[in-house]
Amino acid sequence: MGTINLEIKDYVLTSLDAAFNADVVQSVCQRLNIHRGKYWANPNLGSRLNTLRRSKDVPRMLQLVKQFAEEALSDLVPSRLDSLSVTTSQSVVSRIDLEIEIVRLTGETQKIPYFVAVGG
């Protein structure tokens, strides 16, 4: 079984026990990585973040990235999560950092760091 390393955005093999503990994190990352409309079973699954790679790196991109991330994660809230919030910041040129704070149905809170490349 593998998990996604958020720094390199690639799978890292782990044991089965560790993989089942991070299933919600995997769901969040997959929804942000899948291109919206490309998944054959559900055309509403995924995000439009891939469209921002060739856009200009301007301040309004922070709001656009936040909207695209919230749109991609909106279907997780009633079924798998109690709530989620997305905050954006930019510390490096051509990269927008997301901090996704999720509250599981059990009440546990977790922060997931993620980044989006913008400005080709």
PDB file of N, CA and C in Angstrom:
ATOM      1  N   MET A   1       0.852  -1.167   0.000  1.00  0.00           N
ATOM      2  CA  MET A   1       0.000   0.000   0.000  1.00  0.00           C
ATOM      3  C   MET A   1       0.898   1.230   0.000  1.00  0.00           C
ATOM      4  N   GLY A   2       0.468   2.301  -0.617  1.00  0.00           N
ATOM      5  CA  GLY A   2       1.269   3.513  -0.676  1.00  0.00           C
ATOM      6  C   GLY A   2       0.497   4.721  -0.208  1.00  0.00           C
ATOM      7  N   THR A   3       1.227   5.732   0.203  1.00  0.00           N
ATOM      8  CA  THR A   3       0.636   7.003   0.574  1.00  0.00           C
ATOM      9  C   THR A   3       1.294   8.089  -0.267  1.00  0.00           C
ATOM     10  N   ILE A   4       0.656   9.240  -0.340  1.00  0.00           N
ATOM     11  CA  ILE A   4       1.184  10.336  -1.133  1.00  0.00           C
ATOM     12  C   ILE A   4       2.046  11.223  -0.244  1.00  0.00           C
ATOM     13  N   ASN A   5       3.281  11.445  -0.658  1.00  0.00           N
ATOM     14  CA  ASN A   5       4.156  12.396   0.017  1.00  0.00           C
ATOM     15  C   ASN A   5       3.842  13.770  -0.565  1.00  0.00           C
ATOM     16  N   LEU A   6       3.406  14.718   0.267  1.00  0.00           N
ATOM     17  CA  LEU A   6       2.945  16.009  -0.219  1.00  0.00           C
ATOM     18  C   LEU A   6       4.080  16.895  -0.712  1.00  0.00           C
ATOM     19  N   GLU A   7       5.310  16.625  -0.291  1.00  0.00           N
ATOM     20  CA  GLU A   7       6.425  17.449  -0.731  1.00  0.00           C
ATOM     21  C   GLU A   7       6.844  17.128  -2.159  1.00  0.00           C
ATOM     22  N   ILE A   8       6.844  15.841  -2.500  1.00  0.00           N
ATOM     23  CA  ILE A   8       7.254  15.441  -3.841  1.00  0.00           C
ATOM     24  C   ILE A   8       6.075  15.055  -4.724  1.00  0.00           C
ATOM     25  N   LYS A   9       4.863  14.983  -4.137  1.00  0.00           N
ATOM     26  CA  LYS A   9       3.634  14.618  -4.837  1.00  0.00           C
ATOM     27  C   LYS A   9       3.780  13.281  -5.556  1.00  0.00           C
ATOM     28  N   ASP A  10       4.262  12.291  -4.820  1.00  0.00           N
ATOM     29  CA  ASP A  10       4.433  10.968  -5.375  1.00  0.00           C
ATOM     30  C   ASP A  10       4.121   9.946  -4.289  1.00  0.00           C
ATOM     31  N   TYR A  11       3.850   8.715  -4.700  1.00  0.00           N
ATOM     32  CA  TYR A  11       3.532   7.662  -3.746  1.00  0.00           C
ATOM     33  C   TYR A  11       4.785   7.167  -3.027  1.00  0.00           C
ATOM     34  N   VAL A  12       4.610   6.863  -1.742  1.00  0.00           N
ATOM     35  CA  VAL A  12       5.650   6.248  -0.930  1.00  0.00           C
ATOM     36  C   VAL A  12       5.036   4.995  -0.325  1.00  0.00           C
ATOM     37  N   LEU A  13       5.700   3.863  -0.504  1.00  0.00           N
ATOM     38  CA  LEU A  13       5.170   2.606   0.002  1.00  0.00           C
ATOM     39  C   LEU A  13       5.252   2.549   1.517  1.00  0.00           C
ATOM     40  N   THR A  14       4.166   2.115   2.146  1.00  0.00           N
ATOM     41  CA  THR A  14       4.111   1.970   3.600  1.00  0.00           C
ATOM     42  C   THR A  14       3.395   0.671   3.928  1.00  0.00           C
ATOM     43  N   SER A  15       3.294   0.397   5.211  1.00  0.00           N
ATOM     44  CA  SER A  15       2.556  -0.792   5.623  1.00  0.00           C
ATOM     45  C   SER A  15       1.060  -0.532   5.520  1.00  0.00           C
ATOM     46  N   LEU A  16       0.262  -1.558   5.586  1.00  0.00           N
ATOM     47  CA  LEU A  16      -1.190  -1.408   5.498  1.00  0.00           C
ATOM     48  C   LEU A  16      -1.754  -0.625   6.669  1.00  0.00           C
ATOM     49  N   ASP A  17      -1.210  -0.801   7.864  1.00  0.00           N
ATOM     50  CA  ASP A  17      -1.730  -0.104   9.037  1.00  0.00           C
ATOM     51  C   ASP A  17      -1.601   1.411   8.887  1.00  0.00           C
ATOM     52  N   ALA A  18      -0.469   1.889   8.434  1.00  0.00           N
ATOM     53  CA  ALA A  18      -0.260   3.334   8.291  1.00  0.00           C
ATOM     54  C   ALA A  18      -1.134   3.897   7.174  1.00  0.00           C
ATOM     55  N   ALA A  19      -1.364   3.142   6.125  1.00  0.00           N
ATOM     56  CA  ALA A  19      -2.147   3.642   4.999  1.00  0.00           C
ATOM     57  C   ALA A  19      -3.609   3.846   5.369  1.00  0.00           C
ATOM     58  N   PHE A  20      -4.166   2.983   6.196  1.00  0.00           N
ATOM     59  CA  PHE A  20      -5.575   3.116   6.552  1.00  0.00           C
ATOM     60  C   PHE A  20      -5.824   4.272   7.509  1.00  0.00           C
ATOM     61  N   ASN A  21      -4.811   4.760   8.198  1.00  0.00           N
ATOM     62  CA  ASN A  21      -4.991   5.890   9.095  1.00  0.00           C
ATOM     63  C   ASN A  21      -5.087   7.211   8.344  1.00  0.00           C
ATOM     64  N   ALA A  22      -4.565   7.277   7.143  1.00  0.00           N
ATOM     65  CA  ALA A  22      -4.518   8.532   6.396  1.00  0.00           C
ATOM     66  C   ALA A  22      -5.440   8.506   5.171  1.00  0.00           C
ATOM     67  N   ASP A  23      -6.553   7.796   5.254  1.00  0.00           N
ATOM     68  CA  ASP A  23      -7.421   7.678   4.082  1.00  0.00           C
ATOM     69  C   ASP A  23      -8.068   8.989   3.674  1.00  0.00           C
ATOM     70  N   VAL A  24      -8.377   9.852   4.622  1.00  0.00           N
ATOM     71  CA  VAL A  24      -8.996  11.134   4.282  1.00  0.00           C
ATOM     72  C   VAL A  24      -7.966  12.041   3.618  1.00  0.00           C
ATOM     73  N   VAL A  25      -6.719  11.995   4.069  1.00  0.00           N
ATOM     74  CA  VAL A  25      -5.662  12.791   3.441  1.00  0.00           C
ATOM     75  C   VAL A  25      -5.475  12.348   1.992  1.00  0.00           C
ATOM     76  N   GLN A  26      -5.536  11.051   1.749  1.00  0.00           N
ATOM     77  CA  GLN A  26      -5.427  10.531   0.394  1.00  0.00           C
ATOM     78  C   GLN A  26      -6.584  11.031  -0.477  1.00  0.00           C
ATOM     79  N   SER A  27      -7.776  11.052   0.077  1.00  0.00           N
ATOM     80  CA  SER A  27      -8.944  11.519  -0.672  1.00  0.00           C
ATOM     81  C   SER A  27      -8.808  12.986  -1.043  1.00  0.00           C
ATOM     82  N   VAL A  28      -8.310  13.782  -0.110  1.00  0.00           N
ATOM     83  CA  VAL A  28      -8.121  15.215  -0.374  1.00  0.00           C
ATOM     84  C   VAL A  28      -7.107  15.404  -1.492  1.00  0.00           C
ATOM     85  N   CYS A  29      -5.977  14.731  -1.406  1.00  0.00           N
ATOM     86  CA  CYS A  29      -4.929  14.880  -2.421  1.00  0.00           C
ATOM     87  C   CYS A  29      -5.380  14.375  -3.782  1.00  0.00           C
ATOM     88  N   GLN A  30      -6.099  13.294  -3.815  1.00  0.00           N
ATOM     89  CA  GLN A  30      -6.572  12.778  -5.093  1.00  0.00           C
ATOM     90  C   GLN A  30      -7.565  13.721  -5.742  1.00  0.00           C
ATOM     91  N   ARG A  31      -8.436  14.315  -4.962  1.00  0.00           N
ATOM     92  CA  ARG A  31      -9.411  15.240  -5.547  1.00  0.00           C
ATOM     93  C   ARG A  31      -8.734  16.494  -6.083  1.00  0.00           C
ATOM     94  N   LEU A  32      -7.631  16.912  -5.475  1.00  0.00           N
ATOM     95  CA  LEU A  32      -6.915  18.078  -5.968  1.00  0.00           C
ATOM     96  C   LEU A  32      -6.059  17.752  -7.194  1.00  0.00           C
ATOM     97  N   ASN A  33      -5.612  16.507  -7.326  1.00  0.00           N
ATOM     98  CA  ASN A  33      -4.749  16.123  -8.445  1.00  0.00           C
ATOM     99  C   ASN A  33      -5.505  15.688  -9.688  1.00  0.00           C
ATOM    100  N   ILE A  34      -6.697  15.134  -9.540  1.00  0.00           N
ATOM    101  CA  ILE A  34      -7.461  14.674 -10.699  1.00  0.00           C
ATOM    102  C   ILE A  34      -8.004  15.886 -11.454  1.00  0.00           C
ATOM    103  N   HIS A  35      -7.858  15.879 -12.762  1.00  0.00           N
ATOM    104  CA  HIS A  35      -8.387  16.968 -13.578  1.00  0.00           C
ATOM    105  C   HIS A  35      -9.903  16.836 -13.655  1.00  0.00           C
ATOM    106  N   ARG A  36     -10.593  17.916 -13.378  1.00  0.00           N
ATOM    107  CA  ARG A  36     -12.053  17.891 -13.360  1.00  0.00           C
ATOM    108  C   ARG A  36     -12.597  17.526 -14.743  1.00  0.00           C
ATOM    109  N   GLY A  37     -13.516  16.565 -14.766  1.00  0.00           N
ATOM    110  CA  GLY A  37     -14.128  16.135 -16.005  1.00  0.00           C
ATOM    111  C   GLY A  37     -13.406  14.999 -16.703  1.00  0.00           C
ATOM    112  N   LYS A  38     -12.270  14.562 -16.184  1.00  0.00           N
ATOM    113  CA  LYS A  38     -11.492  13.502 -16.834  1.00  0.00           C
ATOM    114  C   LYS A  38     -11.735  12.121 -16.248  1.00  0.00           C
ATOM    115  N   TYR A  39     -12.370  12.044 -15.091  1.00  0.00           N
ATOM    116  CA  TYR A  39     -12.612  10.743 -14.477  1.00  0.00           C
ATOM    117  C   TYR A  39     -13.901  10.167 -15.045  1.00  0.00           C
ATOM    118  N   TRP A  40     -13.826   8.994 -15.651  1.00  0.00           N
ATOM    119  CA  TRP A  40     -14.943   8.440 -16.405  1.00  0.00           C
ATOM    120  C   TRP A  40     -16.166   8.130 -15.548  1.00  0.00           C
ATOM    121  N   ALA A  41     -15.989   7.751 -14.293  1.00  0.00           N
ATOM    122  CA  ALA A  41     -17.125   7.350 -13.460  1.00  0.00           C
ATOM    123  C   ALA A  41     -17.886   8.541 -12.885  1.00  0.00           C
ATOM    124  N   ASN A  42     -17.206   9.670 -12.711  1.00  0.00           N
ATOM    125  CA  ASN A  42     -17.849  10.844 -12.136  1.00  0.00           C
ATOM    126  C   ASN A  42     -17.215  12.092 -12.752  1.00  0.00           C
ATOM    127  N   PRO A  43     -17.851  12.739 -13.712  1.00  0.00           N
ATOM    128  CA  PRO A  43     -17.251  13.907 -14.356  1.00  0.00           C
ATOM    129  C   PRO A  43     -17.152  15.128 -13.439  1.00  0.00           C
ATOM    130  N   ASN A  44     -17.833  15.123 -12.295  1.00  0.00           N
ATOM    131  CA  ASN A  44     -17.748  16.239 -11.357  1.00  0.00           C
ATOM    132  C   ASN A  44     -16.643  16.063 -10.335  1.00  0.00           C
ATOM    133  N   LEU A  45     -15.908  14.967 -10.398  1.00  0.00           N
ATOM    134  CA  LEU A  45     -14.820  14.707  -9.453  1.00  0.00           C
ATOM    135  C   LEU A  45     -13.548  15.370  -9.957  1.00  0.00           C
ATOM    136  N   GLY A  46     -12.786  15.964  -9.058  1.00  0.00           N
ATOM    137  CA  GLY A  46     -11.505  16.556  -9.417  1.00  0.00           C
ATOM    138  C   GLY A  46     -11.524  18.067  -9.287  1.00  0.00           C
ATOM    139  N   SER A  47     -10.402  18.669  -9.682  1.00  0.00           N
ATOM    140  CA  SER A  47     -10.268  20.118  -9.557  1.00  0.00           C
ATOM    141  C   SER A  47      -9.857  20.739 -10.883  1.00  0.00           C
ATOM    142  N   ARG A  48      -9.951  22.048 -10.923  1.00  0.00           N
ATOM    143  CA  ARG A  48      -9.523  22.800 -12.098  1.00  0.00           C
ATOM    144  C   ARG A  48      -8.173  23.468 -11.864  1.00  0.00           C
ATOM    145  N   LEU A  49      -7.413  22.999 -10.871  1.00  0.00           N
ATOM    146  CA  LEU A  49      -6.118  23.596 -10.559  1.00  0.00           C
ATOM    147  C   LEU A  49      -5.118  23.413 -11.692  1.00  0.00           C
ATOM    148  N   ASN A  50      -5.271  22.383 -12.493  1.00  0.00           N
ATOM    149  CA  ASN A  50      -4.351  22.151 -13.607  1.00  0.00           C
ATOM    150  C   ASN A  50      -4.422  23.261 -14.654  1.00  0.00           C
ATOM    151  N   THR A  51      -5.511  24.005 -14.702  1.00  0.00           N
ATOM    152  CA  THR A  51      -5.653  25.078 -15.693  1.00  0.00           C
ATOM    153  C   THR A  51      -4.822  26.308 -15.328  1.00  0.00           C
ATOM    154  N   LEU A  52      -4.279  26.350 -14.118  1.00  0.00           N
ATOM    155  CA  LEU A  52      -3.553  27.531 -13.656  1.00  0.00           C
ATOM    156  C   LEU A  52      -2.057  27.465 -13.922  1.00  0.00           C
ATOM    157  N   ARG A  53      -1.564  26.350 -14.446  1.00  0.00           N
ATOM    158  CA  ARG A  53      -0.119  26.216 -14.661  1.00  0.00           C
ATOM    159  C   ARG A  53       0.431  27.254 -15.617  1.00  0.00           C
ATOM    160  N   ARG A  54      -0.325  27.609 -16.622  1.00  0.00           N
ATOM    161  CA  ARG A  54       0.164  28.547 -17.624  1.00  0.00           C
ATOM    162  C   ARG A  54      -0.413  29.953 -17.445  1.00  0.00           C
ATOM    163  N   SER A  55      -1.066  30.195 -16.326  1.00  0.00           N
ATOM    164  CA  SER A  55      -1.619  31.527 -16.072  1.00  0.00           C
ATOM    165  C   SER A  55      -0.550  32.414 -15.434  1.00  0.00           C
ATOM    166  N   LYS A  56      -0.810  33.693 -15.402  1.00  0.00           N
ATOM    167  CA  LYS A  56       0.152  34.629 -14.835  1.00  0.00           C
ATOM    168  C   LYS A  56       0.140  34.553 -13.313  1.00  0.00           C
ATOM    169  N   ASP A  57       1.279  34.822 -12.738  1.00  0.00           N
ATOM    170  CA  ASP A  57       1.418  34.825 -11.283  1.00  0.00           C
ATOM    171  C   ASP A  57       1.072  36.216 -10.763  1.00  0.00           C
ATOM    172  N   VAL A  58      -0.217  36.463 -10.562  1.00  0.00           N
ATOM    173  CA  VAL A  58      -0.719  37.752 -10.081  1.00  0.00           C
ATOM    174  C   VAL A  58      -1.449  37.540  -8.768  1.00  0.00           C
ATOM    175  N   PRO A  59      -1.650  38.595  -7.978  1.00  0.00           N
ATOM    176  CA  PRO A  59      -2.281  38.435  -6.653  1.00  0.00           C
ATOM    177  C   PRO A  59      -3.669  37.818  -6.668  1.00  0.00           C
ATOM    178  N   ARG A  60      -4.437  37.996  -7.731  1.00  0.00           N
ATOM    179  CA  ARG A  60      -5.790  37.423  -7.755  1.00  0.00           C
ATOM    180  C   ARG A  60      -5.785  35.902  -7.820  1.00  0.00           C
ATOM    181  N   MET A  61      -4.649  35.309  -8.147  1.00  0.00           N
ATOM    182  CA  MET A  61      -4.540  33.850  -8.214  1.00  0.00           C
ATOM    183  C   MET A  61      -4.772  33.206  -6.850  1.00  0.00           C
ATOM    184  N   LEU A  62      -4.450  33.903  -5.766  1.00  0.00           N
ATOM    185  CA  LEU A  62      -4.686  33.362  -4.426  1.00  0.00           C
ATOM    186  C   LEU A  62      -6.161  33.030  -4.234  1.00  0.00           C
ATOM    187  N   GLN A  63      -7.018  33.948  -4.620  1.00  0.00           N
ATOM    188  CA  GLN A  63      -8.460  33.731  -4.477  1.00  0.00           C
ATOM    189  C   GLN A  63      -8.956  32.653  -5.426  1.00  0.00           C
ATOM    190  N   LEU A  64      -8.433  32.628  -6.641  1.00  0.00           N
ATOM    191  CA  LEU A  64      -8.863  31.638  -7.627  1.00  0.00           C
ATOM    192  C   LEU A  64      -8.457  30.223  -7.209  1.00  0.00           C
ATOM    193  N   VAL A  65      -7.245  30.065  -6.688  1.00  0.00           N
ATOM    194  CA  VAL A  65      -6.789  28.760  -6.209  1.00  0.00           C
ATOM    195  C   VAL A  65      -7.650  28.298  -5.037  1.00  0.00           C
ATOM    196  N   LYS A  66      -7.984  29.221  -4.145  1.00  0.00           N
ATOM    197  CA  LYS A  66      -8.835  28.877  -3.004  1.00  0.00           C
ATOM    198  C   LYS A  66     -10.212  28.404  -3.481  1.00  0.00           C
ATOM    199  N   GLN A  67     -10.802  29.103  -4.433  1.00  0.00           N
ATOM    200  CA  GLN A  67     -12.107  28.714  -4.953  1.00  0.00           C
ATOM    201  C   GLN A  67     -12.068  27.356  -5.638  1.00  0.00           C
ATOM    202  N   PHE A  68     -11.028  27.102  -6.440  1.00  0.00           N
ATOM    203  CA  PHE A  68     -10.912  25.818  -7.129  1.00  0.00           C
ATOM    204  C   PHE A  68     -10.722  24.674  -6.138  1.00  0.00           C
ATOM    205  N   ALA A  69      -9.931  24.897  -5.085  1.00  0.00           N
ATOM    206  CA  ALA A  69      -9.711  23.850  -4.083  1.00  0.00           C
ATOM    207  C   ALA A  69     -10.986  23.565  -3.296  1.00  0.00           C
ATOM    208  N   GLU A  70     -11.712  24.597  -2.909  1.00  0.00           N
ATOM    209  CA  GLU A  70     -12.970  24.396  -2.180  1.00  0.00           C
ATOM    210  C   GLU A  70     -13.993  23.677  -3.046  1.00  0.00           C
ATOM    211  N   GLU A  71     -14.029  24.003  -4.337  1.00  0.00           N
ATOM    212  CA  GLU A  71     -14.946  23.333  -5.256  1.00  0.00           C
ATOM    213  C   GLU A  71     -14.622  21.843  -5.366  1.00  0.00           C
ATOM    214  N   ALA A  72     -13.335  21.505  -5.441  1.00  0.00           N
ATOM    215  CA  ALA A  72     -12.932  20.114  -5.584  1.00  0.00           C
ATOM    216  C   ALA A  72     -13.209  19.302  -4.319  1.00  0.00           C
ATOM    217  N   LEU A  73     -13.131  19.933  -3.164  1.00  0.00           N
ATOM    218  CA  LEU A  73     -13.283  19.219  -1.893  1.00  0.00           C
ATOM    219  C   LEU A  73     -14.686  19.294  -1.315  1.00  0.00           C
ATOM    220  N   SER A  74     -15.594  19.973  -1.979  1.00  0.00           N
ATOM    221  CA  SER A  74     -16.915  20.214  -1.404  1.00  0.00           C
ATOM    222  C   SER A  74     -17.718  18.937  -1.161  1.00  0.00           C
ATOM    223  N   ASP A  75     -17.522  17.901  -1.964  1.00  0.00           N
ATOM    224  CA  ASP A  75     -18.316  16.684  -1.777  1.00  0.00           C
ATOM    225  C   ASP A  75     -17.839  15.824  -0.610  1.00  0.00           C
ATOM    226  N   LEU A  76     -16.696  16.137  -0.013  1.00  0.00           N
ATOM    227  CA  LEU A  76     -16.212  15.380   1.145  1.00  0.00           C
ATOM    228  C   LEU A  76     -16.911  15.776   2.440  1.00  0.00           C
ATOM    229  N   VAL A  77     -17.444  16.984   2.490  1.00  0.00           N
ATOM    230  CA  VAL A  77     -17.954  17.517   3.758  1.00  0.00           C
ATOM    231  C   VAL A  77     -19.143  16.746   4.325  1.00  0.00           C
ATOM    232  N   PRO A  78     -20.187  16.465   3.628  1.00  0.00           N
ATOM    233  CA  PRO A  78     -21.271  15.772   4.334  1.00  0.00           C
ATOM    234  C   PRO A  78     -20.972  14.311   4.637  1.00  0.00           C
ATOM    235  N   SER A  79     -20.219  13.635   3.760  1.00  0.00           N
ATOM    236  CA  SER A  79     -20.065  12.191   3.919  1.00  0.00           C
ATOM    237  C   SER A  79     -18.841  11.776   4.728  1.00  0.00           C
ATOM    238  N   ARG A  80     -17.697  12.413   4.514  1.00  0.00           N
ATOM    239  CA  ARG A  80     -16.463  11.943   5.156  1.00  0.00           C
ATOM    240  C   ARG A  80     -15.868  12.918   6.150  1.00  0.00           C
ATOM    241  N   LEU A  81     -16.218  14.207   6.054  1.00  0.00           N
ATOM    242  CA  LEU A  81     -15.659  15.224   6.946  1.00  0.00           C
ATOM    243  C   LEU A  81     -16.769  16.044   7.574  1.00  0.00           C
ATOM    244  N   ASP A  82     -16.488  16.547   8.769  1.00  0.00           N
ATOM    245  CA  ASP A  82     -17.428  17.444   9.431  1.00  0.00           C
ATOM    246  C   ASP A  82     -17.340  18.839   8.820  1.00  0.00           C
ATOM    247  N   SER A  83     -16.110  19.321   8.606  1.00  0.00           N
ATOM    248  CA  SER A  83     -15.912  20.615   7.958  1.00  0.00           C
ATOM    249  C   SER A  83     -14.493  20.697   7.423  1.00  0.00           C
ATOM    250  N   LEU A  84     -14.280  21.673   6.536  1.00  0.00           N
ATOM    251  CA  LEU A  84     -12.931  21.945   6.052  1.00  0.00           C
ATOM    252  C   LEU A  84     -12.814  23.414   5.718  1.00  0.00           C
ATOM    253  N   SER A  85     -11.590  23.916   5.822  1.00  0.00           N
ATOM    254  CA  SER A  85     -11.323  25.301   5.442  1.00  0.00           C
ATOM    255  C   SER A  85      -9.999  25.344   4.693  1.00  0.00           C
ATOM    256  N   VAL A  86      -9.934  26.240   3.725  1.00  0.00           N
ATOM    257  CA  VAL A  86      -8.756  26.367   2.877  1.00  0.00           C
ATOM    258  C   VAL A  86      -8.219  27.785   3.020  1.00  0.00           C
ATOM    259  N   THR A  87      -6.924  27.903   3.305  1.00  0.00           N
ATOM    260  CA  THR A  87      -6.264  29.205   3.321  1.00  0.00           C
ATOM    261  C   THR A  87      -5.113  29.168   2.326  1.00  0.00           C
ATOM    262  N   THR A  88      -4.870  30.305   1.671  1.00  0.00           N
ATOM    263  CA  THR A  88      -3.821  30.384   0.666  1.00  0.00           C
ATOM    264  C   THR A  88      -2.795  31.426   1.059  1.00  0.00           C
ATOM    265  N   SER A  89      -1.567  31.190   0.648  1.00  0.00           N
ATOM    266  CA  SER A  89      -0.495  32.157   0.838  1.00  0.00           C
ATOM    267  C   SER A  89       0.533  31.930  -0.254  1.00  0.00           C
ATOM    268  N   GLN A  90       1.409  32.912  -0.431  1.00  0.00           N
ATOM    269  CA  GLN A  90       2.444  32.764  -1.448  1.00  0.00           C
ATOM    270  C   GLN A  90       3.767  33.183  -0.834  1.00  0.00           C
ATOM    271  N   SER A  91       4.659  32.222  -0.665  1.00  0.00           N
ATOM    272  CA  SER A  91       5.973  32.498  -0.097  1.00  0.00           C
ATOM    273  C   SER A  91       7.074  32.417  -1.142  1.00  0.00           C
ATOM    274  N   VAL A  92       6.784  31.750  -2.267  1.00  0.00           N
ATOM    275  CA  VAL A  92       7.750  31.571  -3.347  1.00  0.00           C
ATOM    276  C   VAL A  92       7.081  31.996  -4.650  1.00  0.00           C
ATOM    277  N   VAL A  93       7.841  32.584  -5.548  1.00  0.00           N
ATOM    278  CA  VAL A  93       7.310  32.990  -6.846  1.00  0.00           C
ATOM    279  C   VAL A  93       6.885  31.744  -7.627  1.00  0.00           C
ATOM    280  N   SER A  94       5.767  31.841  -8.323  1.00  0.00           N
ATOM    281  CA  SER A  94       5.206  30.768  -9.157  1.00  0.00           C
ATOM    282  C   SER A  94       4.726  29.565  -8.361  1.00  0.00           C
ATOM    283  N   ARG A  95       4.383  29.781  -7.115  1.00  0.00           N
ATOM    284  CA  ARG A  95       3.873  28.688  -6.280  1.00  0.00           C
ATOM    285  C   ARG A  95       2.923  29.264  -5.233  1.00  0.00           C
ATOM    286  N   ILE A  96       1.739  28.701  -5.148  1.00  0.00           N
ATOM    287  CA  ILE A  96       0.768  29.114  -4.134  1.00  0.00           C
ATOM    288  C   ILE A  96       0.608  27.963  -3.155  1.00  0.00           C
ATOM    289  N   ASP A  97       0.784  28.289  -1.885  1.00  0.00           N
ATOM    290  CA  ASP A  97       0.688  27.286  -0.830  1.00  0.00           C
ATOM    291  C   ASP A  97      -0.728  27.258  -0.277  1.00  0.00           C
ATOM    292  N   LEU A  98      -1.257  26.061  -0.136  1.00  0.00           N
ATOM    293  CA  LEU A  98      -2.572  25.852   0.461  1.00  0.00           C
ATOM    294  C   LEU A  98      -2.385  25.206   1.821  1.00  0.00           C
ATOM    295  N   GLU A  99      -3.175  25.625   2.773  1.00  0.00           N
ATOM    296  CA  GLU A  99      -3.260  24.923   4.047  1.00  0.00           C
ATOM    297  C   GLU A  99      -4.712  24.526   4.224  1.00  0.00           C
ATOM    298  N   ILE A 100      -4.952  23.241   4.158  1.00  0.00           N
ATOM    299  CA  ILE A 100      -6.309  22.712   4.233  1.00  0.00           C
ATOM    300  C   ILE A 100      -6.494  22.145   5.629  1.00  0.00           C
ATOM    301  N   GLU A 101      -7.402  22.730   6.386  1.00  0.00           N
ATOM    302  CA  GLU A 101      -7.699  22.250   7.730  1.00  0.00           C
ATOM    303  C   GLU A 101      -8.995  21.452   7.678  1.00  0.00           C
ATOM    304  N   ILE A 102      -8.891  20.173   8.027  1.00  0.00           N
ATOM    305  CA  ILE A 102     -10.060  19.305   7.994  1.00  0.00           C
ATOM    306  C   ILE A 102     -10.449  18.914   9.400  1.00  0.00           C
ATOM    307  N   VAL A 103     -11.739  18.773   9.619  1.00  0.00           N
ATOM    308  CA  VAL A 103     -12.270  18.249  10.876  1.00  0.00           C
ATOM    309  C   VAL A 103     -13.005  16.971  10.528  1.00  0.00           C
ATOM    310  N   ARG A 104     -12.487  15.855  11.037  1.00  0.00           N
ATOM    311  CA  ARG A 104     -13.095  14.555  10.748  1.00  0.00           C
ATOM    312  C   ARG A 104     -14.419  14.419  11.484  1.00  0.00           C
ATOM    313  N   LEU A 105     -15.173  13.402  11.155  1.00  0.00           N
ATOM    314  CA  LEU A 105     -16.454  13.167  11.812  1.00  0.00           C
ATOM    315  C   LEU A 105     -16.282  12.849  13.292  1.00  0.00           C
ATOM    316  N   THR A 106     -15.102  12.374  13.680  1.00  0.00           N
ATOM    317  CA  THR A 106     -14.825  12.069  15.089  1.00  0.00           C
ATOM    318  C   THR A 106     -14.439  13.312  15.880  1.00  0.00           C
ATOM    319  N   GLY A 107     -14.218  14.443  15.210  1.00  0.00           N
ATOM    320  CA  GLY A 107     -13.849  15.679  15.877  1.00  0.00           C
ATOM    321  C   GLY A 107     -12.366  15.986  15.808  1.00  0.00           C
ATOM    322  N   GLU A 108     -11.569  15.088  15.273  1.00  0.00           N
ATOM    323  CA  GLU A 108     -10.135  15.315  15.147  1.00  0.00           C
ATOM    324  C   GLU A 108      -9.871  16.377  14.076  1.00  0.00           C
ATOM    325  N   THR A 109      -8.896  17.245  14.339  1.00  0.00           N
ATOM    326  CA  THR A 109      -8.524  18.290  13.402  1.00  0.00           C
ATOM    327  C   THR A 109      -7.149  17.968  12.829  1.00  0.00           C
ATOM    328  N   GLN A 110      -6.994  18.199  11.534  1.00  0.00           N
ATOM    329  CA  GLN A 110      -5.722  17.935  10.883  1.00  0.00           C
ATOM    330  C   GLN A 110      -5.482  18.998   9.825  1.00  0.00           C
ATOM    331  N   LYS A 111      -4.218  19.433   9.692  1.00  0.00           N
ATOM    332  CA  LYS A 111      -3.851  20.396   8.672  1.00  0.00           C
ATOM    333  C   LYS A 111      -3.034  19.701   7.593  1.00  0.00           C
ATOM    334  N   ILE A 112      -3.403  19.937   6.342  1.00  0.00           N
ATOM    335  CA  ILE A 112      -2.737  19.307   5.212  1.00  0.00           C
ATOM    336  C   ILE A 112      -2.082  20.409   4.374  1.00  0.00           C
ATOM    337  N   PRO A 113      -0.750  20.399   4.270  1.00  0.00           N
ATOM    338  CA  PRO A 113      -0.079  21.380   3.382  1.00  0.00           C
ATOM    339  C   PRO A 113      -0.104  20.866   1.950  1.00  0.00           C
ATOM    340  N   TYR A 114      -0.289  21.778   1.007  1.00  0.00           N
ATOM    341  CA  TYR A 114      -0.349  21.423  -0.411  1.00  0.00           C
ATOM    342  C   TYR A 114       0.099  22.651  -1.187  1.00  0.00           C
ATOM    343  N   PHE A 115       0.672  22.465  -2.358  1.00  0.00           N
ATOM    344  CA  PHE A 115       1.050  23.628  -3.168  1.00  0.00           C
ATOM    345  C   PHE A 115       0.599  23.443  -4.598  1.00  0.00           C
ATOM    346  N   VAL A 116       0.407  24.573  -5.270  1.00  0.00           N
ATOM    347  CA  VAL A 116      -0.041  24.606  -6.664  1.00  0.00           C
ATOM    348  C   VAL A 116       0.934  25.463  -7.440  1.00  0.00           C
ATOM    349  N   ALA A 117       1.432  24.941  -8.554  1.00  0.00           N
ATOM    350  CA  ALA A 117       2.330  25.698  -9.413  1.00  0.00           C
ATOM    351  C   ALA A 117       1.516  26.612 -10.317  1.00  0.00           C
ATOM    352  N   VAL A 118       1.883  27.886 -10.373  1.00  0.00           N
ATOM    353  CA  VAL A 118       1.215  28.856 -11.252  1.00  0.00           C
ATOM    354  C   VAL A 118       2.301  29.656 -11.986  1.00  0.00           C
ATOM    355  N   GLY A 119       1.911  30.252 -13.076  1.00  0.00           N
ATOM    356  CA  GLY A 119       2.811  31.158 -13.770  1.00  0.00           C
ATOM    357  C   GLY A 119       3.886  30.491 -14.590  1.00  0.00           C
ATOM    358  N   GLY A 120       3.639  29.285 -15.074  1.00  0.00           N
ATOM    359  CA  GLY A 120       4.488  28.531 -15.972  1.00  0.00           C
ATOM    360  C   GLY A 120       5.860  28.980 -16.040  1.00  0.00           C
TER     361      GLY A 120
END
